[in-house]
Amino acid sequence: MGQWDRDANGGQHLEQALAAVEAMGASDAVVVPATPSSSMLTAGARTGRVTMETAARIYRAMVLAGGC
């Protein structure tokens, strides 16, 4: 038995979650990890020609500026 089976409002909650995901796609929003992976930092450092530490600071600043 899954969580949705135990929750009398499970169907409603699922519909709300699906609507939220759909709205994110329509608004050009994406979900990103709070902490970047090493491959993400490597790509950022190479592209920006900065150190990995600087790439990490830039990433955190961007995530925070996005409201997370």
PDB file of N, CA and C in Angstrom:
ATOM      1  N   MET A   1       0.855  -1.177   0.000  1.00  0.00           N
ATOM      2  CA  MET A   1       0.000   0.000   0.000  1.00  0.00           C
ATOM      3  C   MET A   1       0.898   1.236   0.000  1.00  0.00           C
ATOM      4  N   GLY A   2       0.694   2.135  -0.953  1.00  0.00           N
ATOM      5  CA  GLY A   2       1.508   3.347  -1.045  1.00  0.00           C
ATOM      6  C   GLY A   2       0.926   4.482  -0.232  1.00  0.00           C
ATOM      7  N   GLN A   3       1.670   5.553  -0.147  1.00  0.00           N
ATOM      8  CA  GLN A   3       1.226   6.724   0.610  1.00  0.00           C
ATOM      9  C   GLN A   3      -0.087   7.264   0.060  1.00  0.00           C
ATOM     10  N   TRP A   4      -0.230   7.262  -1.258  1.00  0.00           N
ATOM     11  CA  TRP A   4      -1.452   7.818  -1.853  1.00  0.00           C
ATOM     12  C   TRP A   4      -2.670   6.987  -1.472  1.00  0.00           C
ATOM     13  N   ASP A   5      -2.470   5.662  -1.249  1.00  0.00           N
ATOM     14  CA  ASP A   5      -3.583   4.809  -0.854  1.00  0.00           C
ATOM     15  C   ASP A   5      -4.057   5.120   0.560  1.00  0.00           C
ATOM     16  N   ARG A   6      -3.135   5.543   1.429  1.00  0.00           N
ATOM     17  CA  ARG A   6      -3.479   5.816   2.823  1.00  0.00           C
ATOM     18  C   ARG A   6      -4.071   7.203   3.022  1.00  0.00           C
ATOM     19  N   ASP A   7      -3.835   8.096   2.081  1.00  0.00           N
ATOM     20  CA  ASP A   7      -4.232   9.495   2.231  1.00  0.00           C
ATOM     21  C   ASP A   7      -5.542   9.729   1.484  1.00  0.00           C
ATOM     22  N   ALA A   8      -6.575  10.101   2.214  1.00  0.00           N
ATOM     23  CA  ALA A   8      -7.873  10.328   1.586  1.00  0.00           C
ATOM     24  C   ALA A   8      -7.811  11.426   0.536  1.00  0.00           C
ATOM     25  N   ASN A   9      -6.874  12.372   0.685  1.00  0.00           N
ATOM     26  CA  ASN A   9      -6.720  13.464  -0.266  1.00  0.00           C
ATOM     27  C   ASN A   9      -5.580  13.205  -1.244  1.00  0.00           C
ATOM     28  N   GLY A  10      -5.101  11.975  -1.292  1.00  0.00           N
ATOM     29  CA  GLY A  10      -3.950  11.650  -2.125  1.00  0.00           C
ATOM     30  C   GLY A  10      -4.115  12.053  -3.572  1.00  0.00           C
ATOM     31  N   GLY A  11      -5.263  11.794  -4.136  1.00  0.00           N
ATOM     32  CA  GLY A  11      -5.509  12.172  -5.532  1.00  0.00           C
ATOM     33  C   GLY A  11      -5.420  13.672  -5.730  1.00  0.00           C
ATOM     34  N   GLN A  12      -5.967  14.423  -4.805  1.00  0.00           N
ATOM     35  CA  GLN A  12      -5.927  15.882  -4.880  1.00  0.00           C
ATOM     36  C   GLN A  12      -4.488  16.376  -4.741  1.00  0.00           C
ATOM     37  N   HIS A  13      -3.738  15.781  -3.817  1.00  0.00           N
ATOM     38  CA  HIS A  13      -2.349  16.193  -3.622  1.00  0.00           C
ATOM     39  C   HIS A  13      -1.517  15.885  -4.866  1.00  0.00           C
ATOM     40  N   LEU A  14      -1.759  14.746  -5.477  1.00  0.00           N
ATOM     41  CA  LEU A  14      -1.038  14.370  -6.685  1.00  0.00           C
ATOM     42  C   LEU A  14      -1.358  15.353  -7.807  1.00  0.00           C
ATOM     43  N   GLU A  15      -2.615  15.699  -7.959  1.00  0.00           N
ATOM     44  CA  GLU A  15      -3.005  16.662  -8.994  1.00  0.00           C
ATOM     45  C   GLU A  15      -2.343  18.024  -8.764  1.00  0.00           C
ATOM     46  N   GLN A  16      -2.265  18.459  -7.504  1.00  0.00           N
ATOM     47  CA  GLN A  16      -1.616  19.724  -7.187  1.00  0.00           C
ATOM     48  C   GLN A  16      -0.126  19.666  -7.510  1.00  0.00           C
ATOM     49  N   ALA A  17       0.509  18.552  -7.195  1.00  0.00           N
ATOM     50  CA  ALA A  17       1.937  18.390  -7.489  1.00  0.00           C
ATOM     51  C   ALA A  17       2.181  18.399  -8.989  1.00  0.00           C
ATOM     52  N   LEU A  18       1.351  17.703  -9.735  1.00  0.00           N
ATOM     53  CA  LEU A  18       1.503  17.683 -11.193  1.00  0.00           C
ATOM     54  C   LEU A  18       1.275  19.068 -11.794  1.00  0.00           C
ATOM     55  N   ALA A  19       0.318  19.812 -11.258  1.00  0.00           N
ATOM     56  CA  ALA A  19       0.071  21.167 -11.741  1.00  0.00           C
ATOM     57  C   ALA A  19       1.272  22.067 -11.465  1.00  0.00           C
ATOM     58  N   ALA A  20       1.895  21.890 -10.299  1.00  0.00           N
ATOM     59  CA  ALA A  20       3.084  22.690  -9.963  1.00  0.00           C
ATOM     60  C   ALA A  20       4.235  22.390 -10.915  1.00  0.00           C
ATOM     61  N   VAL A  21       4.448  21.115 -11.218  1.00  0.00           N
ATOM     62  CA  VAL A  21       5.514  20.730 -12.153  1.00  0.00           C
ATOM     63  C   VAL A  21       5.219  21.293 -13.541  1.00  0.00           C
ATOM     64  N   GLU A  22       3.984  21.232 -13.962  1.00  0.00           N
ATOM     65  CA  GLU A  22       3.604  21.772 -15.266  1.00  0.00           C
ATOM     66  C   GLU A  22       3.838  23.286 -15.317  1.00  0.00           C
ATOM     67  N   ALA A  23       3.493  23.990 -14.249  1.00  0.00           N
ATOM     68  CA  ALA A  23       3.700  25.440 -14.189  1.00  0.00           C
ATOM     69  C   ALA A  23       5.183  25.786 -14.249  1.00  0.00           C
ATOM     70  N   MET A  24       6.027  24.964 -13.614  1.00  0.00           N
ATOM     71  CA  MET A  24       7.468  25.210 -13.669  1.00  0.00           C
ATOM     72  C   MET A  24       7.962  25.140 -15.108  1.00  0.00           C
ATOM     73  N   GLY A  25       7.500  24.148 -15.844  1.00  0.00           N
ATOM     74  CA  GLY A  25       7.905  24.013 -17.240  1.00  0.00           C
ATOM     75  C   GLY A  25       7.423  25.176 -18.080  1.00  0.00           C
ATOM     76  N   ALA A  26       6.222  25.643 -17.826  1.00  0.00           N
ATOM     77  CA  ALA A  26       5.661  26.754 -18.592  1.00  0.00           C
ATOM     78  C   ALA A  26       6.384  28.062 -18.303  1.00  0.00           C
ATOM     79  N   SER A  27       6.970  28.180 -17.109  1.00  0.00           N
ATOM     80  CA  SER A  27       7.643  29.429 -16.747  1.00  0.00           C
ATOM     81  C   SER A  27       9.139  29.380 -17.041  1.00  0.00           C
ATOM     82  N   ASP A  28       9.597  28.318 -17.706  1.00  0.00           N
ATOM     83  CA  ASP A  28      11.010  28.142 -18.051  1.00  0.00           C
ATOM     84  C   ASP A  28      11.865  27.935 -16.804  1.00  0.00           C
ATOM     85  N   ALA A  29      11.266  27.489 -15.714  1.00  0.00           N
ATOM     86  CA  ALA A  29      12.002  27.212 -14.482  1.00  0.00           C
ATOM     87  C   ALA A  29      12.619  25.819 -14.559  1.00  0.00           C
ATOM     88  N   VAL A  30      13.702  25.639 -13.847  1.00  0.00           N
ATOM     89  CA  VAL A  30      14.339  24.330 -13.751  1.00  0.00           C
ATOM     90  C   VAL A  30      14.655  24.040 -12.292  1.00  0.00           C
ATOM     91  N   VAL A  31      14.850  22.787 -11.998  1.00  0.00           N
ATOM     92  CA  VAL A  31      15.236  22.370 -10.658  1.00  0.00           C
ATOM     93  C   VAL A  31      16.720  22.027 -10.715  1.00  0.00           C
ATOM     94  N   VAL A  32      17.490  22.632  -9.832  1.00  0.00           N
ATOM     95  CA  VAL A  32      18.926  22.367  -9.779  1.00  0.00           C
ATOM     96  C   VAL A  32      19.305  21.960  -8.366  1.00  0.00           C
ATOM     97  N   PRO A  33      20.381  21.206  -8.220  1.00  0.00           N
ATOM     98  CA  PRO A  33      20.803  20.836  -6.874  1.00  0.00           C
ATOM     99  C   PRO A  33      21.311  22.043  -6.099  1.00  0.00           C
ATOM    100  N   ALA A  34      21.094  22.041  -4.786  1.00  0.00           N
ATOM    101  CA  ALA A  34      21.594  23.132  -3.943  1.00  0.00           C
ATOM    102  C   ALA A  34      23.115  23.152  -3.940  1.00  0.00           C
ATOM    103  N   THR A  35      23.704  21.982  -4.033  1.00  0.00           N
ATOM    104  CA  THR A  35      25.159  21.867  -4.068  1.00  0.00           C
ATOM    105  C   THR A  35      25.556  21.281  -5.419  1.00  0.00           C
ATOM    106  N   PRO A  36      26.370  21.989  -6.188  1.00  0.00           N
ATOM    107  CA  PRO A  36      26.740  21.491  -7.512  1.00  0.00           C
ATOM    108  C   PRO A  36      27.663  20.279  -7.425  1.00  0.00           C
ATOM    109  N   SER A  37      27.557  19.416  -8.416  1.00  0.00           N
ATOM    110  CA  SER A  37      28.453  18.264  -8.496  1.00  0.00           C
ATOM    111  C   SER A  37      29.830  18.724  -8.964  1.00  0.00           C
ATOM    112  N   SER A  38      30.799  17.865  -8.824  1.00  0.00           N
ATOM    113  CA  SER A  38      32.148  18.232  -9.276  1.00  0.00           C
ATOM    114  C   SER A  38      32.184  18.441 -10.779  1.00  0.00           C
ATOM    115  N   SER A  39      31.385  17.681 -11.535  1.00  0.00           N
ATOM    116  CA  SER A  39      31.364  17.891 -12.990  1.00  0.00           C
ATOM    117  C   SER A  39      30.727  19.236 -13.347  1.00  0.00           C
ATOM    118  N   MET A  40      29.740  19.668 -12.563  1.00  0.00           N
ATOM    119  CA  MET A  40      29.138  20.986 -12.803  1.00  0.00           C
ATOM    120  C   MET A  40      30.157  22.089 -12.521  1.00  0.00           C
ATOM    121  N   LEU A  41      30.896  21.937 -11.424  1.00  0.00           N
ATOM    122  CA  LEU A  41      31.909  22.939 -11.085  1.00  0.00           C
ATOM    123  C   LEU A  41      33.034  22.965 -12.105  1.00  0.00           C
ATOM    124  N   THR A  42      33.439  21.803 -12.580  1.00  0.00           N
ATOM    125  CA  THR A  42      34.478  21.739 -13.598  1.00  0.00           C
ATOM    126  C   THR A  42      34.022  22.452 -14.868  1.00  0.00           C
ATOM    127  N   ALA A  43      32.794  22.196 -15.290  1.00  0.00           N
ATOM    128  CA  ALA A  43      32.269  22.853 -16.493  1.00  0.00           C
ATOM    129  C   ALA A  43      32.197  24.362 -16.301  1.00  0.00           C
ATOM    130  N   GLY A  44      31.741  24.801 -15.143  1.00  0.00           N
ATOM    131  CA  GLY A  44      31.662  26.235 -14.870  1.00  0.00           C
ATOM    132  C   GLY A  44      33.026  26.887 -14.819  1.00  0.00           C
ATOM    133  N   ALA A  45      33.979  26.211 -14.196  1.00  0.00           N
ATOM    134  CA  ALA A  45      35.336  26.751 -14.088  1.00  0.00           C
ATOM    135  C   ALA A  45      35.980  26.866 -15.468  1.00  0.00           C
ATOM    136  N   ARG A  46      35.818  25.833 -16.286  1.00  0.00           N
ATOM    137  CA  ARG A  46      36.390  25.875 -17.644  1.00  0.00           C
ATOM    138  C   ARG A  46      35.747  26.966 -18.483  1.00  0.00           C
ATOM    139  N   THR A  47      34.442  27.032 -18.440  1.00  0.00           N
ATOM    140  CA  THR A  47      33.722  28.011 -19.259  1.00  0.00           C
ATOM    141  C   THR A  47      34.055  29.433 -18.849  1.00  0.00           C
ATOM    142  N   GLY A  48      34.103  29.672 -17.541  1.00  0.00           N
ATOM    143  CA  GLY A  48      34.383  31.016 -17.048  1.00  0.00           C
ATOM    144  C   GLY A  48      35.854  31.320 -16.872  1.00  0.00           C
ATOM    145  N   ARG A  49      36.678  30.298 -17.108  1.00  0.00           N
ATOM    146  CA  ARG A  49      38.127  30.446 -16.918  1.00  0.00           C
ATOM    147  C   ARG A  49      38.446  30.975 -15.521  1.00  0.00           C
ATOM    148  N   VAL A  50      37.801  30.310 -14.540  1.00  0.00           N
ATOM    149  CA  VAL A  50      37.998  30.656 -13.130  1.00  0.00           C
ATOM    150  C   VAL A  50      38.360  29.387 -12.371  1.00  0.00           C
ATOM    151  N   THR A  51      38.711  29.536 -11.096  1.00  0.00           N
ATOM    152  CA  THR A  51      38.995  28.369 -10.264  1.00  0.00           C
ATOM    153  C   THR A  51      37.696  27.655  -9.910  1.00  0.00           C
ATOM    154  N   MET A  52      37.844  26.433  -9.451  1.00  0.00           N
ATOM    155  CA  MET A  52      36.674  25.665  -9.000  1.00  0.00           C
ATOM    156  C   MET A  52      35.999  26.365  -7.822  1.00  0.00           C
ATOM    157  N   GLU A  53      36.790  26.961  -6.935  1.00  0.00           N
ATOM    158  CA  GLU A  53      36.234  27.665  -5.780  1.00  0.00           C
ATOM    159  C   GLU A  53      35.394  28.858  -6.231  1.00  0.00           C
ATOM    160  N   THR A  54      35.893  29.587  -7.213  1.00  0.00           N
ATOM    161  CA  THR A  54      35.134  30.723  -7.741  1.00  0.00           C
ATOM    162  C   THR A  54      33.859  30.244  -8.423  1.00  0.00           C
ATOM    163  N   ALA A  55      33.949  29.155  -9.170  1.00  0.00           N
ATOM    164  CA  ALA A  55      32.766  28.592  -9.825  1.00  0.00           C
ATOM    165  C   ALA A  55      31.725  28.192  -8.782  1.00  0.00           C
ATOM    166  N   ALA A  56      32.180  27.635  -7.654  1.00  0.00           N
ATOM    167  CA  ALA A  56      31.252  27.244  -6.585  1.00  0.00           C
ATOM    168  C   ALA A  56      30.576  28.475  -5.981  1.00  0.00           C
ATOM    169  N   ARG A  57      31.336  29.536  -5.769  1.00  0.00           N
ATOM    170  CA  ARG A  57      30.749  30.775  -5.213  1.00  0.00           C
ATOM    171  C   ARG A  57      29.744  31.379  -6.186  1.00  0.00           C
ATOM    172  N   ILE A  58      30.073  31.360  -7.468  1.00  0.00           N
ATOM    173  CA  ILE A  58      29.150  31.889  -8.485  1.00  0.00           C
ATOM    174  C   ILE A  58      27.869  31.056  -8.496  1.00  0.00           C
ATOM    175  N   TYR A  59      28.006  29.753  -8.456  1.00  0.00           N
ATOM    176  CA  TYR A  59      26.841  28.867  -8.459  1.00  0.00           C
ATOM    177  C   TYR A  59      25.933  29.163  -7.267  1.00  0.00           C
ATOM    178  N   ARG A  60      26.528  29.222  -6.076  1.00  0.00           N
ATOM    179  CA  ARG A  60      25.713  29.499  -4.870  1.00  0.00           C
ATOM    180  C   ARG A  60      25.011  30.854  -4.990  1.00  0.00           C
ATOM    181  N   ALA A  61      25.710  31.854  -5.503  1.00  0.00           N
ATOM    182  CA  ALA A  61      25.103  33.183  -5.653  1.00  0.00           C
ATOM    183  C   ALA A  61      23.919  33.128  -6.629  1.00  0.00           C
ATOM    184  N   MET A  62      24.068  32.379  -7.689  1.00  0.00           N
ATOM    185  CA  MET A  62      22.986  32.266  -8.670  1.00  0.00           C
ATOM    186  C   MET A  62      21.774  31.550  -8.085  1.00  0.00           C
ATOM    187  N   VAL A  63      22.027  30.468  -7.337  1.00  0.00           N
ATOM    188  CA  VAL A  63      20.915  29.739  -6.718  1.00  0.00           C
ATOM    189  C   VAL A  63      20.189  30.637  -5.706  1.00  0.00           C
ATOM    190  N   LEU A  64      20.952  31.351  -4.895  1.00  0.00           N
ATOM    191  CA  LEU A  64      20.337  32.249  -3.909  1.00  0.00           C
ATOM    192  C   LEU A  64      19.565  33.369  -4.591  1.00  0.00           C
ATOM    193  N   ALA A  65      20.112  33.921  -5.659  1.00  0.00           N
ATOM    194  CA  ALA A  65      19.426  34.999  -6.380  1.00  0.00           C
ATOM    195  C   ALA A  65      18.127  34.504  -7.018  1.00  0.00           C
ATOM    196  N   GLY A  66      18.074  33.209  -7.312  1.00  0.00           N
ATOM    197  CA  GLY A  66      16.876  32.626  -7.894  1.00  0.00           C
ATOM    198  C   GLY A  66      15.772  32.359  -6.887  1.00  0.00           C
ATOM    199  N   GLY A  67      16.053  32.627  -5.617  1.00  0.00           N
ATOM    200  CA  GLY A  67      15.030  32.483  -4.598  1.00  0.00           C
ATOM    201  C   GLY A  67      15.068  31.187  -3.828  1.00  0.00           C
ATOM    202  N   CYS A  68      16.149  30.452  -3.913  1.00  0.00           N
ATOM    203  CA  CYS A  68      16.241  29.181  -3.185  1.00  0.00           C
ATOM    204  C   CYS A  68      16.956  29.342  -1.874  1.00  0.00           C
TER     205      CYS A  68
END
